N, C-alpha and C. Protein backbone atom coordinates (compact mmCIF):
# COMPACT_ATOMS: atom_id res chain seq x y z
N MET A 1 8.30 12.19 2.72
CA MET A 1 6.89 12.50 2.83
C MET A 1 6.31 11.81 4.04
N ALA A 2 5.47 12.50 4.73
CA ALA A 2 4.81 11.92 5.91
C ALA A 2 3.54 11.20 5.48
N GLU A 3 2.98 10.41 6.40
CA GLU A 3 1.73 9.73 6.11
C GLU A 3 0.68 10.77 5.80
N LYS A 4 -0.10 10.54 4.74
CA LYS A 4 -1.12 11.48 4.33
C LYS A 4 -2.44 10.74 4.19
N PRO A 5 -3.44 11.09 5.00
CA PRO A 5 -4.73 10.47 4.82
C PRO A 5 -5.38 10.93 3.53
N ILE A 6 -5.88 10.01 2.72
CA ILE A 6 -6.56 10.31 1.49
C ILE A 6 -7.86 9.53 1.47
N ALA A 7 -8.94 10.17 1.21
CA ALA A 7 -10.25 9.55 1.03
C ALA A 7 -10.80 8.86 2.28
N ASN A 8 -9.99 8.23 3.07
CA ASN A 8 -10.47 7.52 4.24
C ASN A 8 -10.64 8.44 5.43
N GLY A 9 -10.22 9.67 5.33
CA GLY A 9 -10.33 10.61 6.43
C GLY A 9 -9.09 10.59 7.28
N PRO A 10 -9.04 11.46 8.26
CA PRO A 10 -7.85 11.54 9.11
C PRO A 10 -7.73 10.32 10.00
N PRO A 11 -6.53 10.05 10.48
CA PRO A 11 -6.36 8.94 11.42
C PRO A 11 -7.30 9.12 12.60
N ARG A 12 -7.82 8.00 13.10
CA ARG A 12 -8.70 8.06 14.25
C ARG A 12 -7.95 8.53 15.48
N LYS A 13 -8.63 9.27 16.30
CA LYS A 13 -8.04 9.66 17.57
C LYS A 13 -8.38 8.56 18.55
N GLY A 14 -7.42 8.14 19.30
CA GLY A 14 -7.68 7.05 20.23
C GLY A 14 -6.40 6.63 20.89
N ASN A 15 -6.39 5.47 21.42
CA ASN A 15 -5.24 4.94 22.12
C ASN A 15 -4.21 4.47 21.10
N ALA A 16 -3.17 5.29 20.88
CA ALA A 16 -2.14 4.94 19.91
C ALA A 16 -1.41 3.67 20.30
N GLY A 17 -1.37 3.36 21.56
CA GLY A 17 -0.71 2.14 22.02
C GLY A 17 -1.40 0.88 21.54
N ARG A 18 -2.67 0.99 21.19
CA ARG A 18 -3.41 -0.16 20.68
C ARG A 18 -3.18 -0.36 19.19
N GLY A 19 -2.49 0.59 18.54
CA GLY A 19 -2.23 0.45 17.12
C GLY A 19 -3.46 0.73 16.27
N SER A 20 -4.30 1.65 16.67
CA SER A 20 -5.54 1.90 15.96
C SER A 20 -5.59 3.31 15.36
N GLU A 21 -4.49 3.77 14.81
CA GLU A 21 -4.43 5.13 14.30
C GLU A 21 -5.01 5.27 12.90
N TYR A 22 -5.10 4.23 12.12
CA TYR A 22 -5.54 4.29 10.73
C TYR A 22 -6.71 3.35 10.51
N THR A 23 -7.60 3.77 9.63
CA THR A 23 -8.71 2.92 9.23
C THR A 23 -8.67 2.80 7.72
N ILE A 24 -8.61 1.59 7.23
CA ILE A 24 -8.58 1.33 5.80
C ILE A 24 -10.01 1.04 5.33
N ASP A 25 -10.44 1.69 4.26
CA ASP A 25 -11.74 1.42 3.67
C ASP A 25 -11.65 0.08 2.95
N LEU A 26 -12.23 -0.96 3.53
CA LEU A 26 -12.09 -2.32 3.00
C LEU A 26 -12.75 -2.49 1.63
N ASN A 27 -13.84 -1.77 1.37
CA ASN A 27 -14.46 -1.88 0.06
C ASN A 27 -13.56 -1.32 -1.03
N THR A 28 -13.00 -0.14 -0.79
CA THR A 28 -12.07 0.46 -1.75
C THR A 28 -10.83 -0.40 -1.90
N PHE A 29 -10.29 -0.88 -0.79
CA PHE A 29 -9.11 -1.75 -0.84
C PHE A 29 -9.39 -2.98 -1.68
N SER A 30 -10.53 -3.63 -1.46
CA SER A 30 -10.88 -4.85 -2.20
C SER A 30 -11.03 -4.57 -3.69
N GLN A 31 -11.69 -3.48 -4.03
CA GLN A 31 -11.87 -3.12 -5.44
C GLN A 31 -10.53 -2.84 -6.12
N HIS A 32 -9.68 -2.09 -5.45
CA HIS A 32 -8.38 -1.74 -6.03
C HIS A 32 -7.47 -2.96 -6.11
N LEU A 33 -7.50 -3.80 -5.09
CA LEU A 33 -6.69 -5.02 -5.11
C LEU A 33 -7.12 -5.92 -6.26
N GLN A 34 -8.44 -6.06 -6.44
CA GLN A 34 -8.95 -6.87 -7.55
C GLN A 34 -8.52 -6.28 -8.90
N ALA A 35 -8.56 -4.96 -9.03
CA ALA A 35 -8.14 -4.30 -10.27
C ALA A 35 -6.65 -4.55 -10.54
N LEU A 36 -5.83 -4.48 -9.50
CA LEU A 36 -4.40 -4.75 -9.66
C LEU A 36 -4.17 -6.18 -10.13
N TYR A 37 -4.79 -7.15 -9.45
CA TYR A 37 -4.62 -8.55 -9.82
C TYR A 37 -5.15 -8.84 -11.22
N THR A 38 -6.29 -8.27 -11.57
CA THR A 38 -6.85 -8.48 -12.91
C THR A 38 -5.91 -7.95 -13.98
N HIS A 39 -5.41 -6.72 -13.78
CA HIS A 39 -4.49 -6.15 -14.77
C HIS A 39 -3.21 -6.96 -14.87
N TRP A 40 -2.69 -7.37 -13.74
CA TRP A 40 -1.46 -8.16 -13.71
C TRP A 40 -1.66 -9.48 -14.46
N HIS A 41 -2.71 -10.20 -14.15
CA HIS A 41 -2.92 -11.51 -14.79
C HIS A 41 -3.26 -11.39 -16.27
N GLN A 42 -4.02 -10.37 -16.66
CA GLN A 42 -4.38 -10.21 -18.07
C GLN A 42 -3.23 -9.70 -18.92
N ASN A 43 -2.27 -9.02 -18.32
CA ASN A 43 -1.15 -8.41 -19.06
C ASN A 43 0.20 -8.89 -18.56
N LYS A 44 0.22 -10.06 -17.96
CA LYS A 44 1.44 -10.56 -17.31
C LYS A 44 2.64 -10.58 -18.24
N ASP A 45 2.48 -11.14 -19.42
CA ASP A 45 3.62 -11.26 -20.34
C ASP A 45 3.98 -9.94 -21.00
N GLU A 46 2.96 -9.17 -21.39
CA GLU A 46 3.21 -7.94 -22.15
C GLU A 46 3.73 -6.79 -21.29
N LEU A 47 3.17 -6.63 -20.10
CA LEU A 47 3.49 -5.44 -19.30
C LEU A 47 4.20 -5.72 -17.98
N TRP A 48 4.14 -6.95 -17.50
CA TRP A 48 4.68 -7.26 -16.18
C TRP A 48 5.89 -8.18 -16.24
N GLY A 49 6.49 -8.33 -17.41
CA GLY A 49 7.71 -9.13 -17.55
C GLY A 49 7.54 -10.57 -17.11
N SER A 50 6.35 -11.13 -17.28
CA SER A 50 6.03 -12.51 -16.89
C SER A 50 6.27 -12.77 -15.40
N ALA A 51 6.18 -11.73 -14.59
CA ALA A 51 6.44 -11.85 -13.15
C ALA A 51 5.41 -12.74 -12.47
N ASN A 52 5.89 -13.65 -11.63
CA ASN A 52 5.02 -14.50 -10.83
C ASN A 52 4.70 -13.87 -9.48
N VAL A 53 5.51 -12.91 -9.06
CA VAL A 53 5.34 -12.20 -7.80
C VAL A 53 5.66 -10.73 -8.04
N LEU A 54 4.89 -9.85 -7.40
CA LEU A 54 5.19 -8.42 -7.45
C LEU A 54 5.65 -7.99 -6.07
N ALA A 55 6.74 -7.25 -6.00
CA ALA A 55 7.23 -6.70 -4.74
C ALA A 55 7.46 -5.21 -4.95
N ILE A 56 6.79 -4.41 -4.14
CA ILE A 56 6.89 -2.97 -4.24
C ILE A 56 7.33 -2.42 -2.89
N ALA A 57 8.43 -1.71 -2.87
CA ALA A 57 8.96 -1.13 -1.63
C ALA A 57 8.78 0.37 -1.65
N THR A 58 8.33 0.92 -0.54
CA THR A 58 8.24 2.36 -0.36
C THR A 58 9.35 2.74 0.62
N PRO A 59 10.27 3.58 0.19
CA PRO A 59 11.41 3.93 1.04
C PRO A 59 11.03 4.93 2.13
N PRO A 60 11.99 5.25 2.99
CA PRO A 60 11.74 6.32 3.98
C PRO A 60 11.40 7.62 3.26
N PRO A 61 10.82 8.58 3.95
CA PRO A 61 10.48 9.86 3.31
C PRO A 61 11.68 10.45 2.59
N SER A 62 11.41 10.95 1.38
CA SER A 62 12.48 11.48 0.54
C SER A 62 11.90 12.45 -0.47
N GLU A 63 12.72 13.34 -0.95
CA GLU A 63 12.31 14.26 -2.02
C GLU A 63 12.64 13.66 -3.40
N ASP A 64 13.20 12.46 -3.43
CA ASP A 64 13.58 11.80 -4.67
C ASP A 64 12.33 11.38 -5.43
N LEU A 65 12.14 11.92 -6.62
CA LEU A 65 10.93 11.67 -7.40
C LEU A 65 10.80 10.23 -7.89
N ARG A 66 11.86 9.45 -7.87
CA ARG A 66 11.79 8.07 -8.33
C ARG A 66 10.86 7.22 -7.47
N TYR A 67 10.60 7.64 -6.26
CA TYR A 67 9.82 6.83 -5.34
C TYR A 67 8.34 7.20 -5.30
N LEU A 68 7.93 8.14 -6.15
CA LEU A 68 6.53 8.55 -6.14
C LEU A 68 5.59 7.44 -6.60
N LYS A 69 6.05 6.55 -7.48
CA LYS A 69 5.19 5.47 -7.96
C LYS A 69 4.81 4.51 -6.84
N SER A 70 5.77 4.12 -6.01
CA SER A 70 5.44 3.22 -4.91
C SER A 70 4.56 3.92 -3.88
N SER A 71 4.81 5.19 -3.64
CA SER A 71 3.96 5.96 -2.73
C SER A 71 2.55 6.10 -3.29
N SER A 72 2.45 6.31 -4.58
CA SER A 72 1.14 6.42 -5.22
C SER A 72 0.36 5.12 -5.11
N LEU A 73 1.03 4.00 -5.25
CA LEU A 73 0.35 2.71 -5.10
C LEU A 73 -0.16 2.54 -3.67
N ASN A 74 0.65 2.94 -2.69
CA ASN A 74 0.22 2.93 -1.28
C ASN A 74 -1.08 3.69 -1.11
N ILE A 75 -1.11 4.90 -1.61
CA ILE A 75 -2.27 5.77 -1.44
C ILE A 75 -3.47 5.22 -2.20
N TRP A 76 -3.27 4.77 -3.42
CA TRP A 76 -4.37 4.22 -4.23
C TRP A 76 -4.96 2.97 -3.58
N LEU A 77 -4.11 2.10 -3.09
CA LEU A 77 -4.57 0.82 -2.56
C LEU A 77 -5.10 0.95 -1.13
N LEU A 78 -4.40 1.67 -0.28
CA LEU A 78 -4.72 1.71 1.15
C LEU A 78 -5.36 3.01 1.62
N GLY A 79 -5.20 4.07 0.83
CA GLY A 79 -5.73 5.37 1.24
C GLY A 79 -4.76 6.20 2.04
N TYR A 80 -3.58 5.68 2.30
CA TYR A 80 -2.56 6.37 3.07
C TYR A 80 -1.19 6.07 2.47
N GLU A 81 -0.24 6.96 2.73
CA GLU A 81 1.14 6.70 2.37
C GLU A 81 1.85 6.17 3.61
N PHE A 82 2.44 4.99 3.50
CA PHE A 82 3.19 4.40 4.59
C PHE A 82 4.66 4.30 4.18
N PRO A 83 5.51 5.21 4.68
CA PRO A 83 6.93 5.10 4.38
C PRO A 83 7.50 3.81 4.96
N GLU A 84 8.54 3.33 4.34
CA GLU A 84 9.25 2.12 4.78
C GLU A 84 8.32 0.92 4.82
N MET A 85 7.61 0.71 3.73
CA MET A 85 6.67 -0.40 3.62
C MET A 85 7.03 -1.24 2.41
N VAL A 86 6.88 -2.55 2.53
CA VAL A 86 7.07 -3.46 1.41
C VAL A 86 5.76 -4.21 1.21
N MET A 87 5.30 -4.21 -0.04
CA MET A 87 4.10 -4.95 -0.41
C MET A 87 4.51 -6.07 -1.35
N VAL A 88 4.11 -7.28 -1.04
CA VAL A 88 4.43 -8.43 -1.88
C VAL A 88 3.11 -9.08 -2.29
N PHE A 89 2.92 -9.24 -3.60
CA PHE A 89 1.71 -9.84 -4.13
C PHE A 89 2.08 -11.13 -4.84
N GLY A 90 1.53 -12.24 -4.37
CA GLY A 90 1.70 -13.52 -5.01
C GLY A 90 0.44 -13.87 -5.79
N SER A 91 0.44 -15.00 -6.45
CA SER A 91 -0.72 -15.37 -7.27
C SER A 91 -1.98 -15.59 -6.43
N GLN A 92 -1.83 -16.03 -5.18
CA GLN A 92 -2.99 -16.33 -4.34
C GLN A 92 -2.98 -15.59 -3.00
N GLU A 93 -1.91 -14.85 -2.71
CA GLU A 93 -1.81 -14.19 -1.43
C GLU A 93 -1.02 -12.90 -1.56
N TYR A 94 -1.12 -12.07 -0.53
CA TYR A 94 -0.35 -10.83 -0.48
C TYR A 94 0.10 -10.60 0.96
N SER A 95 1.15 -9.80 1.10
CA SER A 95 1.69 -9.51 2.42
C SER A 95 2.24 -8.09 2.43
N PHE A 96 1.99 -7.38 3.54
CA PHE A 96 2.52 -6.04 3.72
C PHE A 96 3.40 -6.05 4.97
N SER A 97 4.54 -5.40 4.87
CA SER A 97 5.43 -5.28 6.01
C SER A 97 5.82 -3.82 6.17
N MET A 98 5.69 -3.30 7.39
CA MET A 98 5.99 -1.91 7.66
C MET A 98 7.06 -1.79 8.73
N GLN A 99 7.93 -0.81 8.57
CA GLN A 99 9.02 -0.59 9.49
C GLN A 99 8.57 0.12 10.76
N SER A 100 7.77 1.15 10.59
CA SER A 100 7.43 2.05 11.69
C SER A 100 6.30 1.49 12.54
N LYS A 101 6.46 1.54 13.85
CA LYS A 101 5.39 1.06 14.73
C LYS A 101 4.18 1.97 14.66
N GLU A 102 4.32 3.21 14.15
CA GLU A 102 3.18 4.09 14.00
C GLU A 102 2.31 3.67 12.83
N SER A 103 2.77 2.76 12.00
CA SER A 103 2.05 2.37 10.80
C SER A 103 1.19 1.12 10.98
N ILE A 104 0.86 0.77 12.18
CA ILE A 104 0.05 -0.42 12.43
C ILE A 104 -1.39 -0.12 12.00
N LEU A 105 -1.96 -1.01 11.21
CA LEU A 105 -3.32 -0.84 10.70
C LEU A 105 -4.33 -1.42 11.66
N ALA A 106 -5.46 -0.78 11.77
CA ALA A 106 -6.54 -1.28 12.64
C ALA A 106 -7.35 -2.32 11.89
């Protein structure tokens, strides 16, 4: 699957060399991130296997339906699908790593 803009609108047109192709809605991102952390902390033992860290990897584009959950989290959280991305959520911090240079966030 290719990158798909959802809710945030299409990628901005501009100097792709500057890495400014995508715009993330920070209010939506903050709300969704808070919802994820709240659910995780409130249901850590029952639903999250007592995990202290969450790591979610989105593989390269594929027709394999097993990867739709990680792609759905990408879209829900960021508004876009970023193939070859790893999201790591710790108790106090989070980190995103992307393979493709086209996936640089503004």
